[in-house]
Amino acid sequence: MKTISQIAKETGQTTFVIRYLIEREKILPYRKGLMKLDKNQEALIHKILYFEGKLIYLTFESKIND
């Protein structure tokens, strides 16, 4: 589960863009305070940003270098 700020950092967007997307698509976060999103909701946000042309590439975290 990730917060809106973590998703914004990953995608290079502002938190306002991510919050607007959550409201527009009627995505229900798990918490209202920090608004934590699960992996399916996160994938949906990435997919929408990609098809809107706001996201060109995505960097995934890896544990290979640990």
N, C-alpha and C. Protein backbone atom coordinates (compact mmCIF):
# COMPACT_ATOMS: atom_id res chain seq x y z
N MET A 1 0.84 -1.17 0.00
CA MET A 1 0.00 0.00 0.00
C MET A 1 0.89 1.24 0.00
N LYS A 2 0.53 2.18 -0.84
CA LYS A 2 1.32 3.40 -0.97
C LYS A 2 0.44 4.62 -0.76
N THR A 3 1.08 5.70 -0.36
CA THR A 3 0.36 6.95 -0.19
C THR A 3 0.36 7.73 -1.50
N ILE A 4 -0.41 8.79 -1.53
CA ILE A 4 -0.51 9.62 -2.73
C ILE A 4 0.83 10.28 -3.04
N SER A 5 1.55 10.71 -2.01
CA SER A 5 2.84 11.36 -2.25
C SER A 5 3.86 10.40 -2.85
N GLN A 6 3.82 9.13 -2.44
CA GLN A 6 4.74 8.14 -3.02
C GLN A 6 4.42 7.90 -4.49
N ILE A 7 3.14 7.82 -4.82
CA ILE A 7 2.74 7.62 -6.22
C ILE A 7 3.11 8.85 -7.05
N ALA A 8 2.95 10.04 -6.48
CA ALA A 8 3.30 11.26 -7.19
C ALA A 8 4.80 11.31 -7.48
N LYS A 9 5.63 10.90 -6.53
CA LYS A 9 7.07 10.87 -6.75
C LYS A 9 7.44 9.87 -7.84
N GLU A 10 6.80 8.71 -7.85
CA GLU A 10 7.10 7.69 -8.86
C GLU A 10 6.75 8.15 -10.27
N THR A 11 5.62 8.87 -10.39
CA THR A 11 5.12 9.24 -11.71
C THR A 11 5.60 10.60 -12.18
N GLY A 12 6.18 11.40 -11.28
CA GLY A 12 6.64 12.72 -11.66
C GLY A 12 5.51 13.74 -11.74
N GLN A 13 4.39 13.44 -11.15
CA GLN A 13 3.24 14.35 -11.13
C GLN A 13 3.13 14.98 -9.75
N THR A 14 2.28 15.99 -9.65
CA THR A 14 2.04 16.60 -8.34
C THR A 14 0.97 15.80 -7.60
N THR A 15 0.89 16.02 -6.31
CA THR A 15 -0.12 15.33 -5.52
C THR A 15 -1.52 15.80 -5.89
N PHE A 16 -1.64 17.05 -6.38
CA PHE A 16 -2.95 17.56 -6.78
C PHE A 16 -3.49 16.80 -7.99
N VAL A 17 -2.62 16.44 -8.92
CA VAL A 17 -3.03 15.66 -10.10
C VAL A 17 -3.52 14.29 -9.67
N ILE A 18 -2.81 13.65 -8.76
CA ILE A 18 -3.19 12.32 -8.29
C ILE A 18 -4.51 12.39 -7.52
N ARG A 19 -4.67 13.39 -6.66
CA ARG A 19 -5.92 13.54 -5.90
C ARG A 19 -7.09 13.80 -6.84
N TYR A 20 -6.88 14.63 -7.87
CA TYR A 20 -7.94 14.90 -8.83
C TYR A 20 -8.34 13.62 -9.57
N LEU A 21 -7.35 12.81 -9.93
CA LEU A 21 -7.61 11.56 -10.61
C LEU A 21 -8.41 10.60 -9.72
N ILE A 22 -8.08 10.57 -8.44
CA ILE A 22 -8.80 9.71 -7.50
C ILE A 22 -10.26 10.14 -7.39
N GLU A 23 -10.49 11.45 -7.31
CA GLU A 23 -11.86 11.95 -7.23
C GLU A 23 -12.62 11.72 -8.53
N ARG A 24 -11.97 11.96 -9.66
CA ARG A 24 -12.62 11.82 -10.96
C ARG A 24 -13.01 10.38 -11.26
N GLU A 25 -12.15 9.44 -10.92
CA GLU A 25 -12.41 8.03 -11.20
C GLU A 25 -13.15 7.33 -10.07
N LYS A 26 -13.45 8.07 -9.01
CA LYS A 26 -14.20 7.55 -7.85
C LYS A 26 -13.51 6.35 -7.20
N ILE A 27 -12.20 6.48 -7.02
CA ILE A 27 -11.42 5.46 -6.35
C ILE A 27 -11.52 5.71 -4.84
N LEU A 28 -11.86 4.68 -4.09
CA LEU A 28 -12.00 4.82 -2.64
C LEU A 28 -10.73 4.36 -1.94
N PRO A 29 -9.97 5.29 -1.34
CA PRO A 29 -8.76 4.89 -0.61
C PRO A 29 -9.12 4.19 0.70
N TYR A 30 -8.15 3.51 1.29
CA TYR A 30 -8.39 2.78 2.53
C TYR A 30 -8.47 3.70 3.73
N ARG A 31 -7.68 4.75 3.75
CA ARG A 31 -7.72 5.71 4.85
C ARG A 31 -8.00 7.09 4.29
N LYS A 32 -8.72 7.87 5.03
CA LYS A 32 -8.98 9.24 4.60
C LYS A 32 -7.84 10.18 4.98
N GLY A 33 -7.10 9.90 6.04
CA GLY A 33 -6.02 10.78 6.48
C GLY A 33 -4.86 10.81 5.50
N LEU A 34 -4.19 9.67 5.34
CA LEU A 34 -3.06 9.58 4.44
C LEU A 34 -3.45 9.05 3.06
N MET A 35 -4.66 8.59 2.90
CA MET A 35 -5.16 8.04 1.64
C MET A 35 -4.22 6.96 1.09
N LYS A 36 -4.19 5.84 1.73
CA LYS A 36 -3.38 4.72 1.26
C LYS A 36 -4.13 3.96 0.18
N LEU A 37 -3.42 3.59 -0.87
CA LEU A 37 -4.00 2.87 -2.01
C LEU A 37 -3.34 1.52 -2.14
N ASP A 38 -4.11 0.50 -2.50
CA ASP A 38 -3.52 -0.83 -2.69
C ASP A 38 -2.93 -0.94 -4.09
N LYS A 39 -2.37 -2.11 -4.41
CA LYS A 39 -1.66 -2.29 -5.68
C LYS A 39 -2.58 -2.18 -6.89
N ASN A 40 -3.82 -2.65 -6.78
CA ASN A 40 -4.75 -2.56 -7.90
C ASN A 40 -5.13 -1.12 -8.19
N GLN A 41 -5.38 -0.36 -7.14
CA GLN A 41 -5.72 1.05 -7.32
C GLN A 41 -4.53 1.82 -7.88
N GLU A 42 -3.34 1.49 -7.41
CA GLU A 42 -2.12 2.12 -7.91
C GLU A 42 -1.91 1.82 -9.38
N ALA A 43 -2.14 0.58 -9.77
CA ALA A 43 -2.00 0.19 -11.18
C ALA A 43 -3.01 0.92 -12.05
N LEU A 44 -4.21 1.11 -11.54
CA LEU A 44 -5.23 1.85 -12.28
C LEU A 44 -4.81 3.30 -12.49
N ILE A 45 -4.24 3.92 -11.49
CA ILE A 45 -3.76 5.30 -11.61
C ILE A 45 -2.64 5.39 -12.64
N HIS A 46 -1.70 4.44 -12.60
CA HIS A 46 -0.61 4.42 -13.57
C HIS A 46 -1.15 4.25 -14.99
N LYS A 47 -2.12 3.38 -15.14
CA LYS A 47 -2.71 3.11 -16.46
C LYS A 47 -3.41 4.36 -17.00
N ILE A 48 -4.17 5.04 -16.16
CA ILE A 48 -4.88 6.26 -16.59
C ILE A 48 -3.88 7.34 -16.97
N LEU A 49 -2.84 7.53 -16.16
CA LEU A 49 -1.83 8.54 -16.47
C LEU A 49 -1.11 8.23 -17.77
N TYR A 50 -0.85 6.95 -18.02
CA TYR A 50 -0.18 6.56 -19.25
C TYR A 50 -1.04 6.87 -20.48
N PHE A 51 -2.31 6.53 -20.43
CA PHE A 51 -3.17 6.74 -21.59
C PHE A 51 -3.56 8.21 -21.77
N GLU A 52 -3.42 9.03 -20.72
CA GLU A 52 -3.64 10.47 -20.86
C GLU A 52 -2.40 11.17 -21.40
N GLY A 53 -1.29 10.47 -21.48
CA GLY A 53 -0.06 11.05 -22.00
C GLY A 53 0.76 11.79 -20.96
N LYS A 54 0.42 11.65 -19.71
CA LYS A 54 1.15 12.32 -18.64
C LYS A 54 2.29 11.47 -18.11
N LEU A 55 2.32 10.23 -18.48
CA LEU A 55 3.32 9.30 -17.99
C LEU A 55 3.96 8.61 -19.18
N ILE A 56 5.26 8.78 -19.33
CA ILE A 56 5.96 8.18 -20.45
C ILE A 56 6.60 6.86 -20.04
N TYR A 57 7.23 6.84 -18.89
CA TYR A 57 7.84 5.61 -18.39
C TYR A 57 7.66 5.54 -16.88
N LEU A 58 7.89 4.36 -16.34
CA LEU A 58 7.71 4.13 -14.91
C LEU A 58 8.90 3.33 -14.40
N THR A 59 9.45 3.78 -13.30
CA THR A 59 10.57 3.08 -12.67
C THR A 59 10.03 2.26 -11.52
N PHE A 60 10.29 0.96 -11.54
CA PHE A 60 9.86 0.08 -10.46
C PHE A 60 10.99 -0.13 -9.47
N GLU A 61 10.64 -0.24 -8.22
CA GLU A 61 11.63 -0.52 -7.19
C GLU A 61 12.10 -1.96 -7.33
N SER A 62 13.37 -2.18 -7.07
CA SER A 62 13.92 -3.52 -7.22
C SER A 62 14.78 -3.85 -6.00
N LYS A 63 14.77 -5.11 -5.64
CA LYS A 63 15.60 -5.55 -4.52
C LYS A 63 16.84 -6.31 -5.01
N ILE A 64 17.13 -6.24 -6.29
CA ILE A 64 18.28 -6.95 -6.85
C ILE A 64 19.58 -6.41 -6.29
N ASN A 65 19.66 -5.10 -6.08
CA ASN A 65 20.91 -4.48 -5.64
C ASN A 65 21.14 -4.60 -4.15
N ASP A 66 20.22 -5.18 -3.42
CA ASP A 66 20.41 -5.31 -1.96
C ASP A 66 21.35 -6.43 -1.63
